[in-house]
All heavy atoms as atom14 arrays in JSON, in Angstrom:
{
  "sequence": "LISKCLITKSIDVVDVDEIVTTQTENHIFEMIDAL",
  "atom14_mask": [
    [1, 1, 1, 1, 1, 1, 1, 1, 0, 0, 0, 0, 0, 0],
    [1, 1, 1, 1, 1, 1, 1, 1, 0, 0, 0, 0, 0, 0],
    [1, 1, 1, 1, 1, 1, 0, 0, 0, 0, 0, 0, 0, 0],
    [1, 1, 1, 1, 1, 1, 1, 1, 1, 0, 0, 0, 0, 0],
    [1, 1, 1, 1, 1, 1, 0, 0, 0, 0, 0, 0, 0, 0],
    [1, 1, 1, 1, 1, 1, 1, 1, 0, 0, 0, 0, 0, 0],
    [1, 1, 1, 1, 1, 1, 1, 1, 0, 0, 0, 0, 0, 0],
    [1, 1, 1, 1, 1, 1, 1, 0, 0, 0, 0, 0, 0, 0],
    [1, 1, 1, 1, 1, 1, 1, 1, 1, 0, 0, 0, 0, 0],
    [1, 1, 1, 1, 1, 1, 0, 0, 0, 0, 0, 0, 0, 0],
    [1, 1, 1, 1, 1, 1, 1, 1, 0, 0, 0, 0, 0, 0],
    [1, 1, 1, 1, 1, 1, 1, 1, 0, 0, 0, 0, 0, 0],
    [1, 1, 1, 1, 1, 1, 1, 0, 0, 0, 0, 0, 0, 0],
    [1, 1, 1, 1, 1, 1, 1, 0, 0, 0, 0, 0, 0, 0],
    [1, 1, 1, 1, 1, 1, 1, 1, 0, 0, 0, 0, 0, 0],
    [1, 1, 1, 1, 1, 1, 1, 0, 0, 0, 0, 0, 0, 0],
    [1, 1, 1, 1, 1, 1, 1, 1, 0, 0, 0, 0, 0, 0],
    [1, 1, 1, 1, 1, 1, 1, 1, 1, 0, 0, 0, 0, 0],
    [1, 1, 1, 1, 1, 1, 1, 1, 0, 0, 0, 0, 0, 0],
    [1, 1, 1, 1, 1, 1, 1, 0, 0, 0, 0, 0, 0, 0],
    [1, 1, 1, 1, 1, 1, 1, 0, 0, 0, 0, 0, 0, 0],
    [1, 1, 1, 1, 1, 1, 1, 0, 0, 0, 0, 0, 0, 0],
    [1, 1, 1, 1, 1, 1, 1, 1, 1, 0, 0, 0, 0, 0],
    [1, 1, 1, 1, 1, 1, 1, 0, 0, 0, 0, 0, 0, 0],
    [1, 1, 1, 1, 1, 1, 1, 1, 1, 0, 0, 0, 0, 0],
    [1, 1, 1, 1, 1, 1, 1, 1, 0, 0, 0, 0, 0, 0],
    [1, 1, 1, 1, 1, 1, 1, 1, 1, 1, 0, 0, 0, 0],
    [1, 1, 1, 1, 1, 1, 1, 1, 0, 0, 0, 0, 0, 0],
    [1, 1, 1, 1, 1, 1, 1, 1, 1, 1, 1, 0, 0, 0],
    [1, 1, 1, 1, 1, 1, 1, 1, 1, 0, 0, 0, 0, 0],
    [1, 1, 1, 1, 1, 1, 1, 1, 0, 0, 0, 0, 0, 0],
    [1, 1, 1, 1, 1, 1, 1, 1, 0, 0, 0, 0, 0, 0],
    [1, 1, 1, 1, 1, 1, 1, 1, 0, 0, 0, 0, 0, 0],
    [1, 1, 1, 1, 1, 0, 0, 0, 0, 0, 0, 0, 0, 0],
    [1, 1, 1, 1, 1, 1, 1, 1, 0, 0, 0, 0, 0, 0]
  ],
  "atom14_positions": [
    [[0.79, -1.2, 0.0], [0.01, -0.03, -0.05], [0.84, 1.29, -0.08], [0.56, 2.21, -0.75], [-0.89, 0.03, 1.23], [-2.04, 0.99, 1.29], [-2.92, 0.87, 0.06], [-2.8, 0.79, 2.56], [0.0, 0.0, 0.0], [0.0, 0.0, 0.0], [0.0, 0.0, 0.0], [0.0, 0.0, 0.0], [0.0, 0.0, 0.0], [0.0, 0.0, 0.0]],
    [[1.98, 1.3, 0.85], [2.7, 2.45, 0.98], [3.52, 2.7, -0.49], [3.65, 3.77, -1.03], [3.81, 2.24, 2.01], [3.12, 2.47, 3.41], [5.03, 3.25, 1.93], [4.03, 2.05, 4.69], [0.0, 0.0, 0.0], [0.0, 0.0, 0.0], [0.0, 0.0, 0.0], [0.0, 0.0, 0.0], [0.0, 0.0, 0.0], [0.0, 0.0, 0.0]],
    [[3.98, 1.51, -1.03], [4.72, 1.71, -2.34], [3.83, 2.26, -3.42], [4.29, 3.02, -4.19], [5.14, 0.29, -2.75], [6.04, -0.26, -1.86], [0.0, 0.0, 0.0], [0.0, 0.0, 0.0], [0.0, 0.0, 0.0], [0.0, 0.0, 0.0], [0.0, 0.0, 0.0], [0.0, 0.0, 0.0], [0.0, 0.0, 0.0], [0.0, 0.0, 0.0]],
    [[2.5, 1.9, -3.33], [1.59, 2.36, -4.44], [1.31, 3.97, -4.26], [1.02, 4.66, -5.13], [0.26, 1.58, -4.29], [-0.66, 1.74, -5.47], [-1.81, 2.68, -5.06], [-2.86, 3.0, -6.17], [-3.83, 4.03, -5.92], [0.0, 0.0, 0.0], [0.0, 0.0, 0.0], [0.0, 0.0, 0.0], [0.0, 0.0, 0.0], [0.0, 0.0, 0.0]],
    [[1.3, 4.32, -2.9], [1.0, 5.65, -2.72], [2.17, 6.65, -2.34], [1.81, 7.68, -1.79], [-0.05, 5.69, -1.5], [-1.57, 4.78, -1.79], [0.0, 0.0, 0.0], [0.0, 0.0, 0.0], [0.0, 0.0, 0.0], [0.0, 0.0, 0.0], [0.0, 0.0, 0.0], [0.0, 0.0, 0.0], [0.0, 0.0, 0.0], [0.0, 0.0, 0.0]],
    [[3.26, 6.25, -2.63], [4.51, 7.11, -2.42], [4.4, 8.47, -3.12], [4.91, 9.45, -2.71], [5.79, 6.28, -2.71], [6.24, 5.41, -1.73], [7.34, 4.72, -2.29], [6.69, 6.19, -0.52], [0.0, 0.0, 0.0], [0.0, 0.0, 0.0], [0.0, 0.0, 0.0], [0.0, 0.0, 0.0], [0.0, 0.0, 0.0], [0.0, 0.0, 0.0]],
    [[3.8, 8.43, -4.37], [3.72, 9.73, -5.14], [2.62, 10.56, -4.7], [2.7, 11.78, -4.5], [3.65, 9.28, -6.66], [4.87, 8.52, -7.15], [3.4, 10.59, -7.54], [4.77, 8.15, -8.51], [0.0, 0.0, 0.0], [0.0, 0.0, 0.0], [0.0, 0.0, 0.0], [0.0, 0.0, 0.0], [0.0, 0.0, 0.0], [0.0, 0.0, 0.0]],
    [[1.37, 9.94, -4.44], [0.14, 10.72, -4.1], [0.29, 11.15, -2.69], [-0.35, 12.18, -2.32], [-1.09, 9.92, -4.33], [-1.04, 8.73, -3.49], [-1.24, 9.45, -5.75], [0.0, 0.0, 0.0], [0.0, 0.0, 0.0], [0.0, 0.0, 0.0], [0.0, 0.0, 0.0], [0.0, 0.0, 0.0], [0.0, 0.0, 0.0], [0.0, 0.0, 0.0]],
    [[1.03, 10.43, -1.86], [1.18, 10.83, -0.35], [-0.05, 10.76, 0.36], [-0.24, 11.49, 1.45], [1.87, 12.25, -0.37], [3.18, 12.3, -0.81], [4.2, 11.44, 0.0], [5.64, 11.59, -0.5], [6.51, 10.77, 0.36], [0.0, 0.0, 0.0], [0.0, 0.0, 0.0], [0.0, 0.0, 0.0], [0.0, 0.0, 0.0], [0.0, 0.0, 0.0]],
    [[-1.07, 10.06, -0.17], [-2.39, 9.95, 0.61], [-2.91, 8.5, 0.26], [-2.79, 7.94, -0.77], [-3.37, 11.0, 0.3], [-3.67, 10.89, -1.1], [0.0, 0.0, 0.0], [0.0, 0.0, 0.0], [0.0, 0.0, 0.0], [0.0, 0.0, 0.0], [0.0, 0.0, 0.0], [0.0, 0.0, 0.0], [0.0, 0.0, 0.0], [0.0, 0.0, 0.0]],
    [[-3.65, 7.98, 1.32], [-4.3, 6.68, 1.16], [-5.68, 6.83, 1.43], [-6.12, 7.36, 2.51], [-3.73, 5.58, 2.11], [-2.22, 5.41, 1.83], [-4.44, 4.22, 2.08], [-1.42, 4.55, 2.82], [0.0, 0.0, 0.0], [0.0, 0.0, 0.0], [0.0, 0.0, 0.0], [0.0, 0.0, 0.0], [0.0, 0.0, 0.0], [0.0, 0.0, 0.0]],
    [[-6.62, 6.43, 0.53], [-8.11, 6.35, 0.85], [-8.6, 5.06, 0.72], [-7.98, 3.95, 0.36], [-8.83, 7.46, 0.08], [-8.68, 7.21, -1.53], [-8.35, 6.04, -1.9], [-8.86, 8.18, -2.22], [0.0, 0.0, 0.0], [0.0, 0.0, 0.0], [0.0, 0.0, 0.0], [0.0, 0.0, 0.0], [0.0, 0.0, 0.0], [0.0, 0.0, 0.0]],
    [[-9.92, 4.82, 0.75], [-10.61, 3.47, 0.64], [-10.35, 2.91, -0.62], [-10.16, 1.68, -0.79], [-12.07, 3.59, 1.02], [-12.69, 2.32, 0.93], [-12.28, 4.04, 2.43], [0.0, 0.0, 0.0], [0.0, 0.0, 0.0], [0.0, 0.0, 0.0], [0.0, 0.0, 0.0], [0.0, 0.0, 0.0], [0.0, 0.0, 0.0], [0.0, 0.0, 0.0]],
    [[-10.31, 3.68, -1.71], [-10.22, 3.17, -3.03], [-8.87, 2.55, -3.18], [-8.73, 1.43, -3.76], [-10.39, 4.3, -4.12], [-10.02, 3.82, -5.58], [-11.78, 4.93, -4.1], [0.0, 0.0, 0.0], [0.0, 0.0, 0.0], [0.0, 0.0, 0.0], [0.0, 0.0, 0.0], [0.0, 0.0, 0.0], [0.0, 0.0, 0.0], [0.0, 0.0, 0.0]],
    [[-7.82, 3.18, -2.61], [-6.4, 2.59, -2.71], [-6.33, 1.22, -1.96], [-5.88, 0.26, -2.39], [-5.41, 3.51, -2.02], [-5.33, 4.87, -2.72], [-5.18, 4.84, -4.0], [-5.35, 5.83, -2.05], [0.0, 0.0, 0.0], [0.0, 0.0, 0.0], [0.0, 0.0, 0.0], [0.0, 0.0, 0.0], [0.0, 0.0, 0.0], [0.0, 0.0, 0.0]],
    [[-7.0, 1.23, -0.83], [-7.08, -0.16, -0.01], [-7.74, -1.22, -0.79], [-7.31, -2.35, -0.87], [-7.83, 0.06, 1.28], [-8.04, -1.17, 2.1], [-6.96, 1.06, 2.22], [0.0, 0.0, 0.0], [0.0, 0.0, 0.0], [0.0, 0.0, 0.0], [0.0, 0.0, 0.0], [0.0, 0.0, 0.0], [0.0, 0.0, 0.0], [0.0, 0.0, 0.0]],
    [[-8.95, -0.82, -1.43], [-9.7, -1.81, -2.2], [-8.94, -2.3, -3.42], [-8.96, -3.51, -3.76], [-11.0, -1.3, -2.66], [-12.01, -1.01, -1.55], [-11.79, -1.69, -0.47], [-12.96, -0.23, -1.69], [0.0, 0.0, 0.0], [0.0, 0.0, 0.0], [0.0, 0.0, 0.0], [0.0, 0.0, 0.0], [0.0, 0.0, 0.0], [0.0, 0.0, 0.0]],
    [[-8.1, -1.51, -3.98], [-7.38, -1.71, -5.22], [-6.21, -2.54, -4.85], [-5.83, -3.58, -5.58], [-6.96, -0.54, -5.93], [-6.23, -0.78, -7.16], [-5.74, 0.67, -7.86], [-6.42, 1.66, -7.49], [-4.72, 0.65, -8.56], [0.0, 0.0, 0.0], [0.0, 0.0, 0.0], [0.0, 0.0, 0.0], [0.0, 0.0, 0.0], [0.0, 0.0, 0.0]],
    [[-5.44, -2.33, -3.7], [-4.14, -2.89, -3.46], [-4.19, -4.05, -2.5], [-3.52, -5.18, -2.65], [-3.14, -1.78, -2.85], [-2.98, -0.8, -4.07], [-1.79, -2.5, -2.55], [-2.4, -1.21, -5.32], [0.0, 0.0, 0.0], [0.0, 0.0, 0.0], [0.0, 0.0, 0.0], [0.0, 0.0, 0.0], [0.0, 0.0, 0.0], [0.0, 0.0, 0.0]],
    [[-4.99, -3.96, -1.45], [-4.85, -4.96, -0.38], [-5.67, -6.26, -0.64], [-6.85, -6.18, -0.96], [-5.45, -4.38, 0.93], [-5.38, -5.44, 2.05], [-4.59, -3.11, 1.28], [0.0, 0.0, 0.0], [0.0, 0.0, 0.0], [0.0, 0.0, 0.0], [0.0, 0.0, 0.0], [0.0, 0.0, 0.0], [0.0, 0.0, 0.0], [0.0, 0.0, 0.0]],
    [[-5.11, -7.38, -0.58], [-5.65, -8.66, -0.77], [-6.62, -9.0, 0.42], [-6.13, -9.04, 1.55], [-4.54, -9.72, -0.9], [-3.62, -9.41, -1.92], [-5.2, -11.08, -1.32], [0.0, 0.0, 0.0], [0.0, 0.0, 0.0], [0.0, 0.0, 0.0], [0.0, 0.0, 0.0], [0.0, 0.0, 0.0], [0.0, 0.0, 0.0], [0.0, 0.0, 0.0]],
    [[-7.75, -9.32, 0.01], [-8.67, -9.85, 1.02], [-8.42, -11.17, 1.55], [-8.26, -12.09, 0.68], [-10.17, -9.81, 0.52], [-10.57, -8.51, 0.17], [-11.16, -10.32, 1.6], [0.0, 0.0, 0.0], [0.0, 0.0, 0.0], [0.0, 0.0, 0.0], [0.0, 0.0, 0.0], [0.0, 0.0, 0.0], [0.0, 0.0, 0.0], [0.0, 0.0, 0.0]],
    [[-8.18, -11.46, 2.81], [-7.79, -12.7, 3.24], [-8.93, -13.8, 3.21], [-10.09, -13.47, 3.35], [-7.32, -12.63, 4.7], [-6.05, -11.71, 4.82], [-4.94, -12.05, 3.91], [-4.41, -13.24, 3.92], [-4.45, -11.09, 3.04], [0.0, 0.0, 0.0], [0.0, 0.0, 0.0], [0.0, 0.0, 0.0], [0.0, 0.0, 0.0], [0.0, 0.0, 0.0]],
    [[-8.53, -15.03, 3.11], [-9.57, -16.19, 3.1], [-10.53, -16.03, 4.3], [-11.72, -16.23, 4.07], [-8.85, -17.56, 3.08], [-8.0, -17.59, 2.03], [-9.78, -18.68, 3.07], [0.0, 0.0, 0.0], [0.0, 0.0, 0.0], [0.0, 0.0, 0.0], [0.0, 0.0, 0.0], [0.0, 0.0, 0.0], [0.0, 0.0, 0.0], [0.0, 0.0, 0.0]],
    [[-10.02, -15.76, 5.43], [-10.86, -15.65, 6.62], [-12.02, -14.61, 6.44], [-13.11, -14.82, 6.87], [-9.97, -15.33, 7.94], [-9.12, -16.44, 8.4], [-7.83, -16.54, 7.55], [-7.73, -15.85, 6.66], [-7.05, -17.37, 7.91], [0.0, 0.0, 0.0], [0.0, 0.0, 0.0], [0.0, 0.0, 0.0], [0.0, 0.0, 0.0], [0.0, 0.0, 0.0]],
    [[-11.73, -13.54, 5.8], [-12.73, -12.52, 5.53], [-13.83, -13.12, 4.58], [-15.02, -12.79, 4.69], [-12.12, -11.25, 4.82], [-11.43, -10.43, 5.9], [-11.55, -10.66, 7.07], [-10.68, -9.48, 5.48], [0.0, 0.0, 0.0], [0.0, 0.0, 0.0], [0.0, 0.0, 0.0], [0.0, 0.0, 0.0], [0.0, 0.0, 0.0], [0.0, 0.0, 0.0]],
    [[-13.48, -13.91, 3.66], [-14.42, -14.62, 2.77], [-15.33, -15.51, 3.53], [-16.48, -15.59, 3.33], [-13.75, -15.44, 1.7], [-13.31, -14.58, 0.39], [-14.19, -14.08, -0.54], [-12.0, -14.12, 0.09], [-13.4, -13.44, -1.42], [-12.22, -13.46, -1.09], [0.0, 0.0, 0.0], [0.0, 0.0, 0.0], [0.0, 0.0, 0.0], [0.0, 0.0, 0.0]],
    [[-14.66, -16.25, 4.48], [-15.46, -17.13, 5.36], [-16.4, -16.29, 6.22], [-17.59, -16.71, 6.32], [-14.43, -17.9, 6.35], [-13.51, -18.76, 5.51], [-15.24, -18.73, 7.24], [-14.07, -19.83, 4.59], [0.0, 0.0, 0.0], [0.0, 0.0, 0.0], [0.0, 0.0, 0.0], [0.0, 0.0, 0.0], [0.0, 0.0, 0.0], [0.0, 0.0, 0.0]],
    [[-15.94, -15.21, 6.71], [-16.97, -14.35, 7.5], [-18.03, -13.91, 6.6], [-19.25, -13.92, 7.17], [-16.09, -13.14, 8.03], [-16.94, -12.21, 8.91], [-17.23, -12.42, 10.2], [-17.63, -11.08, 8.25], [-18.11, -11.55, 10.97], [-18.35, -10.21, 9.01], [-18.64, -10.41, 10.35], [0.0, 0.0, 0.0], [0.0, 0.0, 0.0], [0.0, 0.0, 0.0]],
    [[-17.78, -13.43, 5.4], [-18.92, -12.99, 4.57], [-19.91, -14.14, 4.25], [-21.06, -13.87, 4.21], [-18.22, -12.47, 3.18], [-17.64, -11.08, 3.48], [-16.89, -10.67, 2.21], [-17.35, -11.08, 1.13], [-16.04, -9.73, 2.26], [0.0, 0.0, 0.0], [0.0, 0.0, 0.0], [0.0, 0.0, 0.0], [0.0, 0.0, 0.0], [0.0, 0.0, 0.0]],
    [[-19.27, -15.29, 4.14], [-20.15, -16.47, 3.84], [-21.12, -16.71, 5.03], [-22.37, -16.99, 4.78], [-19.36, -17.78, 3.6], [-18.66, -17.84, 2.27], [-17.32, -19.07, 2.24], [-18.27, -20.57, 2.64], [0.0, 0.0, 0.0], [0.0, 0.0, 0.0], [0.0, 0.0, 0.0], [0.0, 0.0, 0.0], [0.0, 0.0, 0.0], [0.0, 0.0, 0.0]],
    [[-20.69, -16.66, 6.2], [-21.43, -16.89, 7.31], [-22.35, -15.82, 7.64], [-23.64, -15.9, 8.05], [-20.6, -17.18, 8.6], [-19.83, -18.48, 8.46], [-21.33, -17.32, 9.87], [-18.89, -18.91, 9.4], [0.0, 0.0, 0.0], [0.0, 0.0, 0.0], [0.0, 0.0, 0.0], [0.0, 0.0, 0.0], [0.0, 0.0, 0.0], [0.0, 0.0, 0.0]],
    [[-21.89, -14.45, 7.3], [-22.77, -13.39, 7.4], [-23.95, -13.41, 6.46], [-25.12, -13.17, 6.81], [-22.04, -12.14, 7.13], [-22.77, -10.81, 7.35], [-23.5, -10.72, 8.3], [-22.51, -9.87, 6.66], [0.0, 0.0, 0.0], [0.0, 0.0, 0.0], [0.0, 0.0, 0.0], [0.0, 0.0, 0.0], [0.0, 0.0, 0.0], [0.0, 0.0, 0.0]],
    [[-23.66, -13.95, 5.28], [-24.78, -14.3, 4.25], [-25.76, -15.32, 4.72], [-26.95, -15.19, 4.51], [-24.09, -14.79, 2.87], [0.0, 0.0, 0.0], [0.0, 0.0, 0.0], [0.0, 0.0, 0.0], [0.0, 0.0, 0.0], [0.0, 0.0, 0.0], [0.0, 0.0, 0.0], [0.0, 0.0, 0.0], [0.0, 0.0, 0.0], [0.0, 0.0, 0.0]],
    [[-25.25, -16.37, 5.37], [-26.07, -17.37, 5.98], [-26.98, -16.76, 7.0], [-28.12, -17.08, 7.16], [-25.39, -18.55, 6.53], [-24.57, -19.48, 5.56], [-23.68, -20.54, 6.33], [-25.64, -20.21, 4.72], [0.0, 0.0, 0.0], [0.0, 0.0, 0.0], [0.0, 0.0, 0.0], [0.0, 0.0, 0.0], [0.0, 0.0, 0.0], [0.0, 0.0, 0.0]]
  ]
}
């Protein structure tokens, strides 16, 4: 995330969504949340 934002010098939600990998555990949580 830092490497991606070194030029813009700012991080927002769009950057997080674009760069950060959602972990398997989060998919599991979303599955159970859907249930």
